[in-house]
């Protein structure tokens, strides 16, 4: 499998609503190199690890989460210093309901990526989502802010949604628009630009 195909398949798990092969706005081609360049790994081990990750993603998409976990675990055994497999395994652990295990893998992914690049962005988003679900909004904000700095539009949207001033502004604007339109007004308005993050 060629690198472009592998990249498209890996991206699909993070952007399942996009067709395979279509790049999202969050994955620019001119992104800086990862902190540990792929060339630093033995080519044969890297090829095996990438294949295992692709197999793991395909298994997760087919609902075979245990098989996915096994594949990601093997990829980590091959290249324990490569952040990508930890990030992917965290996604599978989330699907299985193991938030603690997912958080542990996300921490490893963030440390190995040194908080930079695509893997760090995705790991920060995932960790922010878990923390938000667990009610730790302050920790979630920090992770979403890190992911937003790394180029995640989704993380930026989450920060806007978590901003109480933006929520209040949206409520006030919606009420004012409804009052101006009278009964039956249905168009939604937003003042996203009023949010400061």
N, C-alpha and C. Protein backbone atom coordinates (compact mmCIF):
# COMPACT_ATOMS: atom_id res chain seq x y z
N UNK A 1 0.85 -1.18 0.00
CA UNK A 1 0.00 0.00 0.00
C UNK A 1 0.89 1.23 0.00
N UNK A 2 0.54 2.18 -0.83
CA UNK A 2 1.34 3.39 -0.95
C UNK A 2 1.07 4.35 0.21
N UNK A 3 1.99 5.27 0.44
CA UNK A 3 1.88 6.20 1.56
C UNK A 3 0.61 7.04 1.48
N UNK A 4 0.22 7.48 0.29
CA UNK A 4 -0.99 8.30 0.15
C UNK A 4 -2.23 7.51 0.53
N UNK A 5 -2.28 6.23 0.13
CA UNK A 5 -3.43 5.39 0.50
C UNK A 5 -3.46 5.17 2.01
N UNK A 6 -2.30 4.92 2.59
CA UNK A 6 -2.22 4.70 4.03
C UNK A 6 -2.68 5.95 4.78
N UNK A 7 -2.23 7.12 4.33
CA UNK A 7 -2.60 8.38 4.97
C UNK A 7 -4.11 8.60 4.87
N UNK A 8 -4.69 8.28 3.71
CA UNK A 8 -6.14 8.46 3.53
C UNK A 8 -6.91 7.54 4.45
N UNK A 9 -6.45 6.31 4.60
CA UNK A 9 -7.16 5.36 5.46
C UNK A 9 -7.02 5.74 6.93
N UNK A 10 -5.83 6.16 7.34
CA UNK A 10 -5.65 6.60 8.73
C UNK A 10 -6.51 7.82 9.02
N UNK A 11 -6.63 8.73 8.05
CA UNK A 11 -7.43 9.93 8.25
C UNK A 11 -8.91 9.59 8.37
N UNK A 12 -9.33 8.54 7.69
CA UNK A 12 -10.75 8.19 7.66
C UNK A 12 -11.31 7.92 9.05
N UNK A 13 -10.50 7.33 9.94
CA UNK A 13 -11.01 7.05 11.28
C UNK A 13 -11.27 8.34 12.05
N UNK A 14 -10.53 9.39 11.73
CA UNK A 14 -10.71 10.65 12.44
C UNK A 14 -11.73 11.56 11.77
N UNK A 15 -12.05 11.28 10.52
CA UNK A 15 -13.04 12.07 9.77
C UNK A 15 -13.96 11.10 9.03
N UNK A 16 -14.76 10.31 9.77
CA UNK A 16 -15.54 9.24 9.14
C UNK A 16 -16.61 9.73 8.17
N UNK A 17 -17.01 10.99 8.22
CA UNK A 17 -18.04 11.47 7.33
C UNK A 17 -17.49 11.88 5.97
N UNK A 18 -16.18 12.01 5.87
CA UNK A 18 -15.56 12.32 4.58
C UNK A 18 -15.33 11.02 3.81
N UNK A 19 -15.49 11.04 2.50
CA UNK A 19 -15.17 9.84 1.72
C UNK A 19 -13.68 9.54 1.81
N UNK A 20 -13.33 8.27 1.67
CA UNK A 20 -11.91 7.89 1.69
C UNK A 20 -11.16 8.66 0.63
N UNK A 21 -9.97 9.12 0.97
CA UNK A 21 -9.13 9.82 0.01
C UNK A 21 -9.35 11.32 -0.05
N UNK A 22 -10.36 11.83 0.63
CA UNK A 22 -10.62 13.27 0.61
C UNK A 22 -9.98 13.87 1.85
N UNK A 23 -9.09 14.83 1.66
CA UNK A 23 -8.40 15.45 2.79
C UNK A 23 -9.33 16.42 3.49
N UNK A 24 -9.22 16.47 4.81
CA UNK A 24 -10.00 17.43 5.57
C UNK A 24 -9.21 18.72 5.70
N UNK A 25 -9.90 19.77 6.10
CA UNK A 25 -9.24 21.07 6.29
C UNK A 25 -8.23 21.00 7.42
N UNK A 26 -8.38 20.01 8.32
CA UNK A 26 -7.47 19.90 9.46
C UNK A 26 -6.17 19.19 9.12
N UNK A 27 -6.04 18.62 7.94
CA UNK A 27 -4.88 17.84 7.60
C UNK A 27 -4.15 18.42 6.39
N UNK A 28 -3.59 19.61 6.55
CA UNK A 28 -2.92 20.23 5.42
C UNK A 28 -1.69 19.43 5.01
N UNK A 29 -1.41 19.40 3.71
CA UNK A 29 -0.27 18.65 3.20
C UNK A 29 1.06 19.30 3.60
N UNK A 30 1.06 20.59 3.85
CA UNK A 30 2.31 21.27 4.16
C UNK A 30 2.58 21.31 5.66
N UNK A 31 2.02 20.39 6.40
CA UNK A 31 2.22 20.35 7.85
C UNK A 31 3.69 20.04 8.14
N UNK A 32 4.25 20.65 9.21
CA UNK A 32 5.64 20.39 9.54
C UNK A 32 5.86 18.90 9.84
N UNK A 33 7.07 18.46 9.69
CA UNK A 33 7.42 17.07 9.97
C UNK A 33 7.16 16.74 11.43
N UNK A 34 6.84 15.46 11.72
CA UNK A 34 6.65 15.07 13.11
C UNK A 34 7.96 15.19 13.88
N UNK A 35 7.89 15.33 15.21
CA UNK A 35 9.11 15.47 16.02
C UNK A 35 10.09 14.32 15.82
N UNK A 36 9.58 13.07 15.67
CA UNK A 36 10.44 11.95 15.37
C UNK A 36 10.18 11.62 13.90
N UNK A 37 11.09 12.01 13.00
CA UNK A 37 10.84 11.78 11.58
C UNK A 37 10.70 10.29 11.29
N UNK A 38 9.80 9.97 10.37
CA UNK A 38 9.58 8.57 9.99
C UNK A 38 10.88 7.92 9.53
N UNK A 39 11.78 8.70 8.95
CA UNK A 39 13.05 8.16 8.47
C UNK A 39 13.94 7.66 9.60
N UNK A 40 13.65 8.06 10.84
CA UNK A 40 14.45 7.63 11.98
C UNK A 40 14.18 6.16 12.32
N UNK A 41 13.08 5.61 11.81
CA UNK A 41 12.73 4.23 12.09
C UNK A 41 13.25 3.32 10.99
N UNK A 42 13.57 2.10 11.35
CA UNK A 42 13.99 1.11 10.36
C UNK A 42 12.85 0.93 9.35
N UNK A 43 13.14 1.08 8.06
CA UNK A 43 12.08 1.05 7.05
C UNK A 43 11.19 -0.19 7.10
N UNK A 44 11.79 -1.36 7.33
CA UNK A 44 10.98 -2.58 7.36
C UNK A 44 10.05 -2.60 8.57
N UNK A 45 10.52 -2.09 9.71
CA UNK A 45 9.66 -2.03 10.90
C UNK A 45 8.56 -0.99 10.72
N UNK A 46 8.91 0.15 10.12
CA UNK A 46 7.93 1.18 9.88
C UNK A 46 6.83 0.67 8.94
N UNK A 47 7.23 -0.02 7.89
CA UNK A 47 6.24 -0.57 6.95
C UNK A 47 5.31 -1.55 7.66
N UNK A 48 5.86 -2.42 8.49
CA UNK A 48 5.04 -3.39 9.23
C UNK A 48 4.09 -2.68 10.20
N UNK A 49 4.61 -1.67 10.90
CA UNK A 49 3.79 -0.94 11.88
C UNK A 49 2.64 -0.21 11.19
N UNK A 50 2.92 0.43 10.06
CA UNK A 50 1.88 1.14 9.32
C UNK A 50 0.82 0.15 8.84
N UNK A 51 1.24 -1.00 8.32
CA UNK A 51 0.28 -2.01 7.88
C UNK A 51 -0.60 -2.48 9.05
N UNK A 52 0.01 -2.68 10.20
CA UNK A 52 -0.76 -3.10 11.38
C UNK A 52 -1.77 -2.03 11.78
N UNK A 53 -1.36 -0.76 11.71
CA UNK A 53 -2.29 0.32 12.05
C UNK A 53 -3.45 0.37 11.05
N UNK A 54 -3.15 0.19 9.79
CA UNK A 54 -4.20 0.21 8.77
C UNK A 54 -5.16 -0.96 9.00
N UNK A 55 -4.62 -2.12 9.32
CA UNK A 55 -5.46 -3.27 9.63
C UNK A 55 -6.31 -3.00 10.87
N UNK A 56 -5.71 -2.34 11.87
CA UNK A 56 -6.43 -2.01 13.09
C UNK A 56 -7.57 -1.04 12.83
N UNK A 57 -7.32 -0.05 11.99
CA UNK A 57 -8.36 0.92 11.65
C UNK A 57 -9.50 0.23 10.92
N UNK A 58 -9.15 -0.64 9.96
CA UNK A 58 -10.19 -1.36 9.22
C UNK A 58 -11.00 -2.25 10.16
N UNK A 59 -10.34 -2.89 11.10
CA UNK A 59 -11.05 -3.73 12.07
C UNK A 59 -11.98 -2.89 12.95
N UNK A 60 -11.50 -1.73 13.40
CA UNK A 60 -12.33 -0.86 14.24
C UNK A 60 -13.55 -0.38 13.47
N UNK A 61 -13.34 -0.02 12.21
CA UNK A 61 -14.47 0.44 11.39
C UNK A 61 -15.49 -0.66 11.15
N UNK A 62 -15.03 -1.93 11.17
CA UNK A 62 -15.92 -3.07 10.98
C UNK A 62 -16.54 -3.52 12.30
N UNK A 63 -16.25 -2.78 13.39
CA UNK A 63 -16.82 -3.13 14.69
C UNK A 63 -16.04 -4.20 15.44
N UNK A 64 -14.87 -4.58 14.94
CA UNK A 64 -14.03 -5.60 15.57
C UNK A 64 -12.99 -4.90 16.44
N UNK A 65 -13.43 -4.34 17.55
CA UNK A 65 -12.57 -3.50 18.37
C UNK A 65 -11.44 -4.31 19.01
N UNK A 66 -11.72 -5.53 19.45
CA UNK A 66 -10.66 -6.34 20.06
C UNK A 66 -9.55 -6.64 19.06
N UNK A 67 -9.94 -6.94 17.82
CA UNK A 67 -8.95 -7.18 16.77
C UNK A 67 -8.14 -5.89 16.50
N UNK A 68 -8.83 -4.77 16.49
CA UNK A 68 -8.14 -3.49 16.29
C UNK A 68 -7.12 -3.25 17.40
N UNK A 69 -7.53 -3.49 18.63
CA UNK A 69 -6.62 -3.30 19.76
C UNK A 69 -5.38 -4.20 19.64
N UNK A 70 -5.60 -5.43 19.19
CA UNK A 70 -4.49 -6.36 19.03
C UNK A 70 -3.52 -5.83 17.97
N UNK A 71 -4.03 -5.32 16.86
CA UNK A 71 -3.18 -4.80 15.78
C UNK A 71 -2.40 -3.57 16.25
N UNK A 72 -3.10 -2.66 16.93
CA UNK A 72 -2.41 -1.46 17.41
C UNK A 72 -1.34 -1.83 18.45
N UNK A 73 -1.65 -2.81 19.30
CA UNK A 73 -0.67 -3.27 20.29
C UNK A 73 0.57 -3.83 19.63
N UNK A 74 0.39 -4.60 18.56
CA UNK A 74 1.54 -5.15 17.82
C UNK A 74 2.35 -4.03 17.17
N UNK A 75 1.67 -3.01 16.64
CA UNK A 75 2.38 -1.88 16.04
C UNK A 75 3.22 -1.16 17.09
N UNK A 76 2.66 -1.03 18.28
CA UNK A 76 3.40 -0.38 19.38
C UNK A 76 4.59 -1.22 19.80
N UNK A 77 4.44 -2.54 19.82
CA UNK A 77 5.57 -3.41 20.16
C UNK A 77 6.70 -3.27 19.14
N UNK A 78 6.34 -3.14 17.87
CA UNK A 78 7.35 -2.98 16.82
C UNK A 78 8.11 -1.66 16.94
N UNK A 79 7.34 -0.56 17.15
CA UNK A 79 7.94 0.78 17.21
C UNK A 79 7.35 1.54 18.40
N UNK A 80 7.84 1.26 19.61
CA UNK A 80 7.27 1.91 20.80
C UNK A 80 7.50 3.42 20.87
N UNK A 81 8.37 3.96 20.03
CA UNK A 81 8.64 5.40 20.03
C UNK A 81 7.81 6.15 18.99
N UNK A 82 6.92 5.45 18.29
CA UNK A 82 6.08 6.07 17.25
C UNK A 82 4.72 6.40 17.85
N UNK A 83 4.34 7.66 17.83
CA UNK A 83 3.14 8.14 18.52
C UNK A 83 1.84 7.70 17.88
N UNK A 84 1.82 7.52 16.59
CA UNK A 84 0.58 7.26 15.86
C UNK A 84 -0.21 6.07 16.38
N UNK A 85 0.45 4.94 16.64
CA UNK A 85 -0.25 3.74 17.09
C UNK A 85 -0.89 3.96 18.46
N UNK A 86 -0.26 4.73 19.34
CA UNK A 86 -0.87 5.03 20.64
C UNK A 86 -2.16 5.83 20.45
N UNK A 87 -2.11 6.80 19.56
CA UNK A 87 -3.28 7.62 19.29
C UNK A 87 -4.42 6.77 18.72
N UNK A 88 -4.09 5.89 17.77
CA UNK A 88 -5.11 5.02 17.18
C UNK A 88 -5.65 4.02 18.21
N UNK A 89 -4.77 3.47 19.03
CA UNK A 89 -5.25 2.52 20.05
C UNK A 89 -6.15 3.23 21.05
N UNK A 90 -5.86 4.48 21.35
CA UNK A 90 -6.72 5.24 22.26
C UNK A 90 -8.13 5.36 21.69
N UNK A 91 -8.22 5.58 20.38
CA UNK A 91 -9.54 5.66 19.73
C UNK A 91 -10.29 4.34 19.91
N UNK A 92 -9.60 3.22 19.70
CA UNK A 92 -10.23 1.91 19.86
C UNK A 92 -10.62 1.67 21.32
N UNK A 93 -9.78 2.10 22.24
CA UNK A 93 -10.11 1.95 23.66
C UNK A 93 -11.35 2.78 24.02
N UNK A 94 -11.46 3.97 23.43
CA UNK A 94 -12.67 4.78 23.64
C UNK A 94 -13.89 4.05 23.13
N UNK A 95 -13.77 3.43 21.96
CA UNK A 95 -14.90 2.68 21.40
C UNK A 95 -15.30 1.52 22.32
N UNK A 96 -14.34 0.96 23.02
CA UNK A 96 -14.60 -0.16 23.93
C UNK A 96 -15.10 0.33 25.30
N UNK A 97 -15.02 1.63 25.54
CA UNK A 97 -15.48 2.18 26.81
C UNK A 97 -14.40 2.27 27.87
N UNK A 98 -13.15 2.10 27.50
CA UNK A 98 -12.03 2.16 28.45
C UNK A 98 -11.40 3.56 28.41
N UNK A 99 -12.04 4.50 29.08
CA UNK A 99 -11.55 5.88 29.08
C UNK A 99 -10.18 6.00 29.74
N UNK A 100 -9.96 5.26 30.83
CA UNK A 100 -8.67 5.33 31.53
C UNK A 100 -7.54 4.85 30.63
N UNK A 101 -7.75 3.73 29.95
CA UNK A 101 -6.74 3.22 29.02
C UNK A 101 -6.49 4.18 27.87
N UNK A 102 -7.58 4.77 27.36
CA UNK A 102 -7.45 5.74 26.27
C UNK A 102 -6.64 6.95 26.72
N UNK A 103 -6.92 7.45 27.91
CA UNK A 103 -6.17 8.61 28.42
C UNK A 103 -4.69 8.29 28.57
N UNK A 104 -4.38 7.08 29.02
CA UNK A 104 -2.98 6.68 29.17
C UNK A 104 -2.27 6.67 27.81
N UNK A 105 -2.94 6.10 26.79
CA UNK A 105 -2.34 6.08 25.45
C UNK A 105 -2.24 7.47 24.85
N UNK A 106 -3.22 8.32 25.11
CA UNK A 106 -3.17 9.69 24.59
C UNK A 106 -2.01 10.46 25.22
N UNK A 107 -1.77 10.23 26.49
CA UNK A 107 -0.62 10.86 27.15
C UNK A 107 0.68 10.42 26.49
N UNK A 108 0.78 9.12 26.19
CA UNK A 108 1.98 8.61 25.50
C UNK A 108 2.11 9.24 24.12
N UNK A 109 1.00 9.34 23.39
CA UNK A 109 1.04 9.94 22.05
C UNK A 109 1.49 11.39 22.11
N UNK A 110 0.99 12.13 23.10
CA UNK A 110 1.37 13.53 23.24
C UNK A 110 2.84 13.68 23.63
N UNK A 111 3.33 12.80 24.51
CA UNK A 111 4.74 12.87 24.90
C UNK A 111 5.66 12.51 23.74
N UNK A 112 5.32 11.43 23.03
CA UNK A 112 6.16 11.00 21.92
C UNK A 112 6.15 12.00 20.76
N UNK A 113 5.02 12.65 20.55
CA UNK A 113 4.93 13.65 19.47
C UNK A 113 5.49 15.00 19.90
N UNK A 114 5.83 15.11 21.18
CA UNK A 114 6.33 16.36 21.75
C UNK A 114 5.33 17.50 21.57
N UNK A 115 4.04 17.14 21.53
CA UNK A 115 2.98 18.14 21.43
C UNK A 115 2.93 18.87 20.11
N UNK A 116 3.48 18.27 19.05
CA UNK A 116 3.50 18.94 17.74
C UNK A 116 3.04 17.96 16.66
N UNK A 117 2.47 18.52 15.59
CA UNK A 117 2.10 17.71 14.45
C UNK A 117 0.69 17.15 14.53
N UNK A 118 0.35 16.39 13.50
CA UNK A 118 -1.00 15.84 13.34
C UNK A 118 -1.39 14.91 14.49
N UNK A 119 -0.48 14.02 14.91
CA UNK A 119 -0.81 13.07 15.97
C UNK A 119 -1.09 13.82 17.27
N UNK A 120 -0.30 14.83 17.58
CA UNK A 120 -0.54 15.61 18.79
C UNK A 120 -1.88 16.32 18.72
N UNK A 121 -2.20 16.86 17.56
CA UNK A 121 -3.49 17.55 17.39
C UNK A 121 -4.64 16.59 17.63
N UNK A 122 -4.58 15.41 17.02
CA UNK A 122 -5.65 14.44 17.18
C UNK A 122 -5.72 13.91 18.62
N UNK A 123 -4.57 13.68 19.23
CA UNK A 123 -4.55 13.19 20.61
C UNK A 123 -5.12 14.23 21.56
N UNK A 124 -4.80 15.49 21.35
CA UNK A 124 -5.33 16.55 22.21
C UNK A 124 -6.85 16.66 22.06
N UNK A 125 -7.35 16.53 20.84
CA UNK A 125 -8.80 16.56 20.63
C UNK A 125 -9.46 15.39 21.35
N UNK A 126 -8.90 14.19 21.16
CA UNK A 126 -9.48 13.01 21.81
C UNK A 126 -9.49 13.15 23.33
N UNK A 127 -8.35 13.61 23.87
CA UNK A 127 -8.28 13.74 25.33
C UNK A 127 -9.25 14.81 25.81
N UNK A 128 -9.37 15.90 25.06
CA UNK A 128 -10.34 16.93 25.43
C UNK A 128 -11.76 16.40 25.43
N UNK A 129 -12.11 15.59 24.45
CA UNK A 129 -13.46 15.01 24.40
C UNK A 129 -13.73 14.10 25.59
N UNK A 130 -12.74 13.26 25.93
CA UNK A 130 -12.91 12.38 27.09
C UNK A 130 -13.06 13.20 28.36
N UNK A 131 -12.21 14.20 28.53
CA UNK A 131 -12.29 15.02 29.74
C UNK A 131 -13.61 15.77 29.82
N UNK A 132 -14.09 16.22 28.68
CA UNK A 132 -15.39 16.92 28.68
C UNK A 132 -16.50 15.97 29.08
N UNK A 133 -16.47 14.74 28.57
CA UNK A 133 -17.47 13.74 28.94
C UNK A 133 -17.39 13.39 30.43
N UNK A 134 -16.19 13.48 30.98
CA UNK A 134 -16.00 13.19 32.40
C UNK A 134 -16.29 14.41 33.29
N UNK A 135 -16.67 15.52 32.68
CA UNK A 135 -17.03 16.71 33.44
C UNK A 135 -15.87 17.61 33.82
N UNK A 136 -14.68 17.35 33.30
CA UNK A 136 -13.51 18.18 33.60
C UNK A 136 -13.34 19.21 32.49
N UNK A 137 -14.20 20.23 32.51
CA UNK A 137 -14.20 21.23 31.43
C UNK A 137 -12.91 22.03 31.37
N UNK A 138 -12.28 22.29 32.50
CA UNK A 138 -11.05 23.07 32.49
C UNK A 138 -9.93 22.32 31.77
N UNK A 139 -9.77 21.03 32.07
CA UNK A 139 -8.76 20.23 31.38
C UNK A 139 -9.12 20.10 29.90
N UNK A 140 -10.41 19.94 29.59
CA UNK A 140 -10.85 19.85 28.20
C UNK A 140 -10.50 21.13 27.45
N UNK A 141 -10.73 22.29 28.09
CA UNK A 141 -10.40 23.57 27.44
C UNK A 141 -8.92 23.64 27.08
N UNK A 142 -8.06 23.19 28.00
CA UNK A 142 -6.62 23.23 27.75
C UNK A 142 -6.25 22.36 26.55
N UNK A 143 -6.84 21.16 26.49
CA UNK A 143 -6.53 20.29 25.37
C UNK A 143 -7.09 20.83 24.06
N UNK A 144 -8.31 21.35 24.09
CA UNK A 144 -8.88 21.94 22.88
C UNK A 144 -8.07 23.15 22.43
N UNK A 145 -7.57 23.93 23.38
CA UNK A 145 -6.74 25.09 23.03
C UNK A 145 -5.45 24.63 22.36
N UNK A 146 -4.84 23.57 22.89
CA UNK A 146 -3.62 23.04 22.27
C UNK A 146 -3.92 22.54 20.86
N UNK A 147 -5.00 21.79 20.70
CA UNK A 147 -5.36 21.27 19.39
C UNK A 147 -5.69 22.41 18.42
N UNK A 148 -6.36 23.44 18.91
CA UNK A 148 -6.68 24.59 18.06
C UNK A 148 -5.41 25.29 17.60
N UNK A 149 -4.43 25.44 18.50
CA UNK A 149 -3.15 26.04 18.11
C UNK A 149 -2.45 25.21 17.04
N UNK A 150 -2.70 23.91 17.05
CA UNK A 150 -2.10 23.01 16.06
C UNK A 150 -2.92 22.92 14.78
N UNK A 151 -4.02 23.70 14.71
CA UNK A 151 -4.79 23.78 13.47
C UNK A 151 -6.11 23.05 13.44
N UNK A 152 -6.60 22.55 14.57
CA UNK A 152 -7.87 21.83 14.58
C UNK A 152 -9.05 22.79 14.62
N UNK A 153 -9.83 22.79 13.54
CA UNK A 153 -11.03 23.62 13.49
C UNK A 153 -12.08 23.08 14.46
N UNK A 154 -12.15 21.77 14.59
CA UNK A 154 -13.09 21.14 15.52
C UNK A 154 -12.82 21.61 16.94
N UNK A 155 -11.54 21.62 17.35
CA UNK A 155 -11.18 22.04 18.70
C UNK A 155 -11.55 23.51 18.91
N UNK A 156 -11.34 24.33 17.90
CA UNK A 156 -11.72 25.74 18.00
C UNK A 156 -13.22 25.87 18.21
N UNK A 157 -14.00 25.08 17.47
CA UNK A 157 -15.46 25.11 17.64
C UNK A 157 -15.86 24.68 19.04
N UNK A 158 -15.17 23.68 19.58
CA UNK A 158 -15.47 23.24 20.95
C UNK A 158 -15.18 24.35 21.95
N UNK A 159 -14.10 25.08 21.74
CA UNK A 159 -13.78 26.19 22.64
C UNK A 159 -14.86 27.27 22.58
N UNK A 160 -15.35 27.55 21.38
CA UNK A 160 -16.42 28.54 21.23
C UNK A 160 -17.66 28.06 21.95
N UNK A 161 -18.01 26.79 21.77
CA UNK A 161 -19.20 26.23 22.42
C UNK A 161 -19.08 26.25 23.94
N UNK A 162 -17.86 26.09 24.45
CA UNK A 162 -17.65 26.07 25.90
C UNK A 162 -17.56 27.47 26.50
N UNK A 163 -17.49 28.49 25.65
CA UNK A 163 -17.35 29.86 26.12
C UNK A 163 -18.72 30.36 26.60
N UNK A 164 -18.87 30.65 27.88
CA UNK A 164 -20.19 31.07 28.38
C UNK A 164 -20.66 32.39 27.78
N UNK A 165 -19.73 33.27 27.41
CA UNK A 165 -20.12 34.54 26.80
C UNK A 165 -20.70 34.33 25.40
N UNK A 166 -20.10 33.39 24.66
CA UNK A 166 -20.63 33.08 23.34
C UNK A 166 -22.02 32.47 23.44
N UNK A 167 -22.22 31.57 24.43
CA UNK A 167 -23.54 30.96 24.62
C UNK A 167 -24.57 32.01 24.97
N UNK A 168 -24.22 32.93 25.87
CA UNK A 168 -25.14 34.00 26.27
C UNK A 168 -25.43 34.91 25.08
N UNK A 169 -24.42 35.24 24.32
CA UNK A 169 -24.60 36.09 23.14
C UNK A 169 -25.53 35.42 22.14
N UNK A 170 -25.33 34.12 21.89
CA UNK A 170 -26.19 33.40 20.96
C UNK A 170 -27.64 33.39 21.45
N UNK A 171 -27.84 33.20 22.74
CA UNK A 171 -29.21 33.20 23.29
C UNK A 171 -29.86 34.56 23.12
N UNK A 172 -29.12 35.62 23.44
CA UNK A 172 -29.67 36.97 23.33
C UNK A 172 -29.98 37.31 21.88
N UNK A 173 -29.09 36.98 20.97
CA UNK A 173 -29.30 37.27 19.57
C UNK A 173 -30.49 36.48 19.02
N UNK A 174 -30.61 35.21 19.40
CA UNK A 174 -31.74 34.39 18.95
C UNK A 174 -33.06 34.98 19.45
N UNK A 175 -33.07 35.42 20.70
CA UNK A 175 -34.30 36.02 21.26
C UNK A 175 -34.65 37.32 20.53
N UNK A 176 -33.63 38.14 20.26
CA UNK A 176 -33.88 39.41 19.57
C UNK A 176 -34.38 39.15 18.15
N UNK A 177 -33.78 38.19 17.45
CA UNK A 177 -34.21 37.89 16.08
C UNK A 177 -35.63 37.33 16.06
N UNK A 178 -35.94 36.52 17.04
CA UNK A 178 -37.28 35.95 17.12
C UNK A 178 -38.30 37.06 17.36
N UNK A 179 -37.95 37.98 18.22
CA UNK A 179 -38.85 39.09 18.53
C UNK A 179 -39.04 39.98 17.29
N UNK A 180 -37.97 40.23 16.54
CA UNK A 180 -38.07 41.04 15.33
C UNK A 180 -38.93 40.39 14.25
N UNK A 181 -38.82 39.09 14.13
CA UNK A 181 -39.58 38.36 13.11
C UNK A 181 -41.03 38.13 13.53
N UNK A 182 -41.28 38.19 14.79
CA UNK A 182 -42.62 37.91 15.28
C UNK A 182 -42.86 36.41 15.36
N UNK A 183 -44.08 36.00 15.56
CA UNK A 183 -44.36 34.57 15.68
C UNK A 183 -44.03 33.83 14.38
N UNK A 184 -43.48 32.63 14.55
CA UNK A 184 -43.18 31.80 13.39
C UNK A 184 -41.79 31.99 12.83
N UNK A 185 -40.98 32.91 13.35
CA UNK A 185 -39.61 33.10 12.87
C UNK A 185 -38.78 31.88 13.20
N UNK A 186 -38.05 31.34 12.22
CA UNK A 186 -37.33 30.11 12.48
C UNK A 186 -35.85 30.17 12.12
N UNK A 187 -35.39 31.18 11.45
CA UNK A 187 -34.00 31.25 11.03
C UNK A 187 -33.08 31.41 12.23
N UNK A 188 -32.05 30.62 12.32
CA UNK A 188 -31.12 30.69 13.44
C UNK A 188 -30.01 31.68 13.12
N UNK A 189 -29.63 32.44 14.10
CA UNK A 189 -28.54 33.41 13.95
C UNK A 189 -27.44 33.05 14.95
N UNK A 190 -26.26 33.57 14.74
CA UNK A 190 -25.14 33.30 15.62
C UNK A 190 -24.24 34.52 15.70
N UNK A 191 -23.58 34.65 16.82
CA UNK A 191 -22.59 35.72 16.95
C UNK A 191 -21.27 35.10 17.38
N UNK A 192 -20.85 34.08 16.64
CA UNK A 192 -19.62 33.37 16.96
C UNK A 192 -18.44 34.32 17.07
N UNK A 193 -18.41 35.36 16.28
CA UNK A 193 -17.30 36.29 16.30
C UNK A 193 -17.13 37.00 17.63
N UNK A 194 -18.17 37.01 18.48
CA UNK A 194 -18.08 37.68 19.77
C UNK A 194 -17.29 36.87 20.78
N UNK A 195 -17.09 35.59 20.49
CA UNK A 195 -16.38 34.72 21.43
C UNK A 195 -14.89 35.02 21.35
N UNK A 196 -14.25 35.04 22.50
CA UNK A 196 -12.80 35.21 22.51
C UNK A 196 -12.19 33.97 23.12
N UNK A 197 -11.24 33.42 22.42
CA UNK A 197 -10.56 32.22 22.90
C UNK A 197 -9.08 32.39 22.89
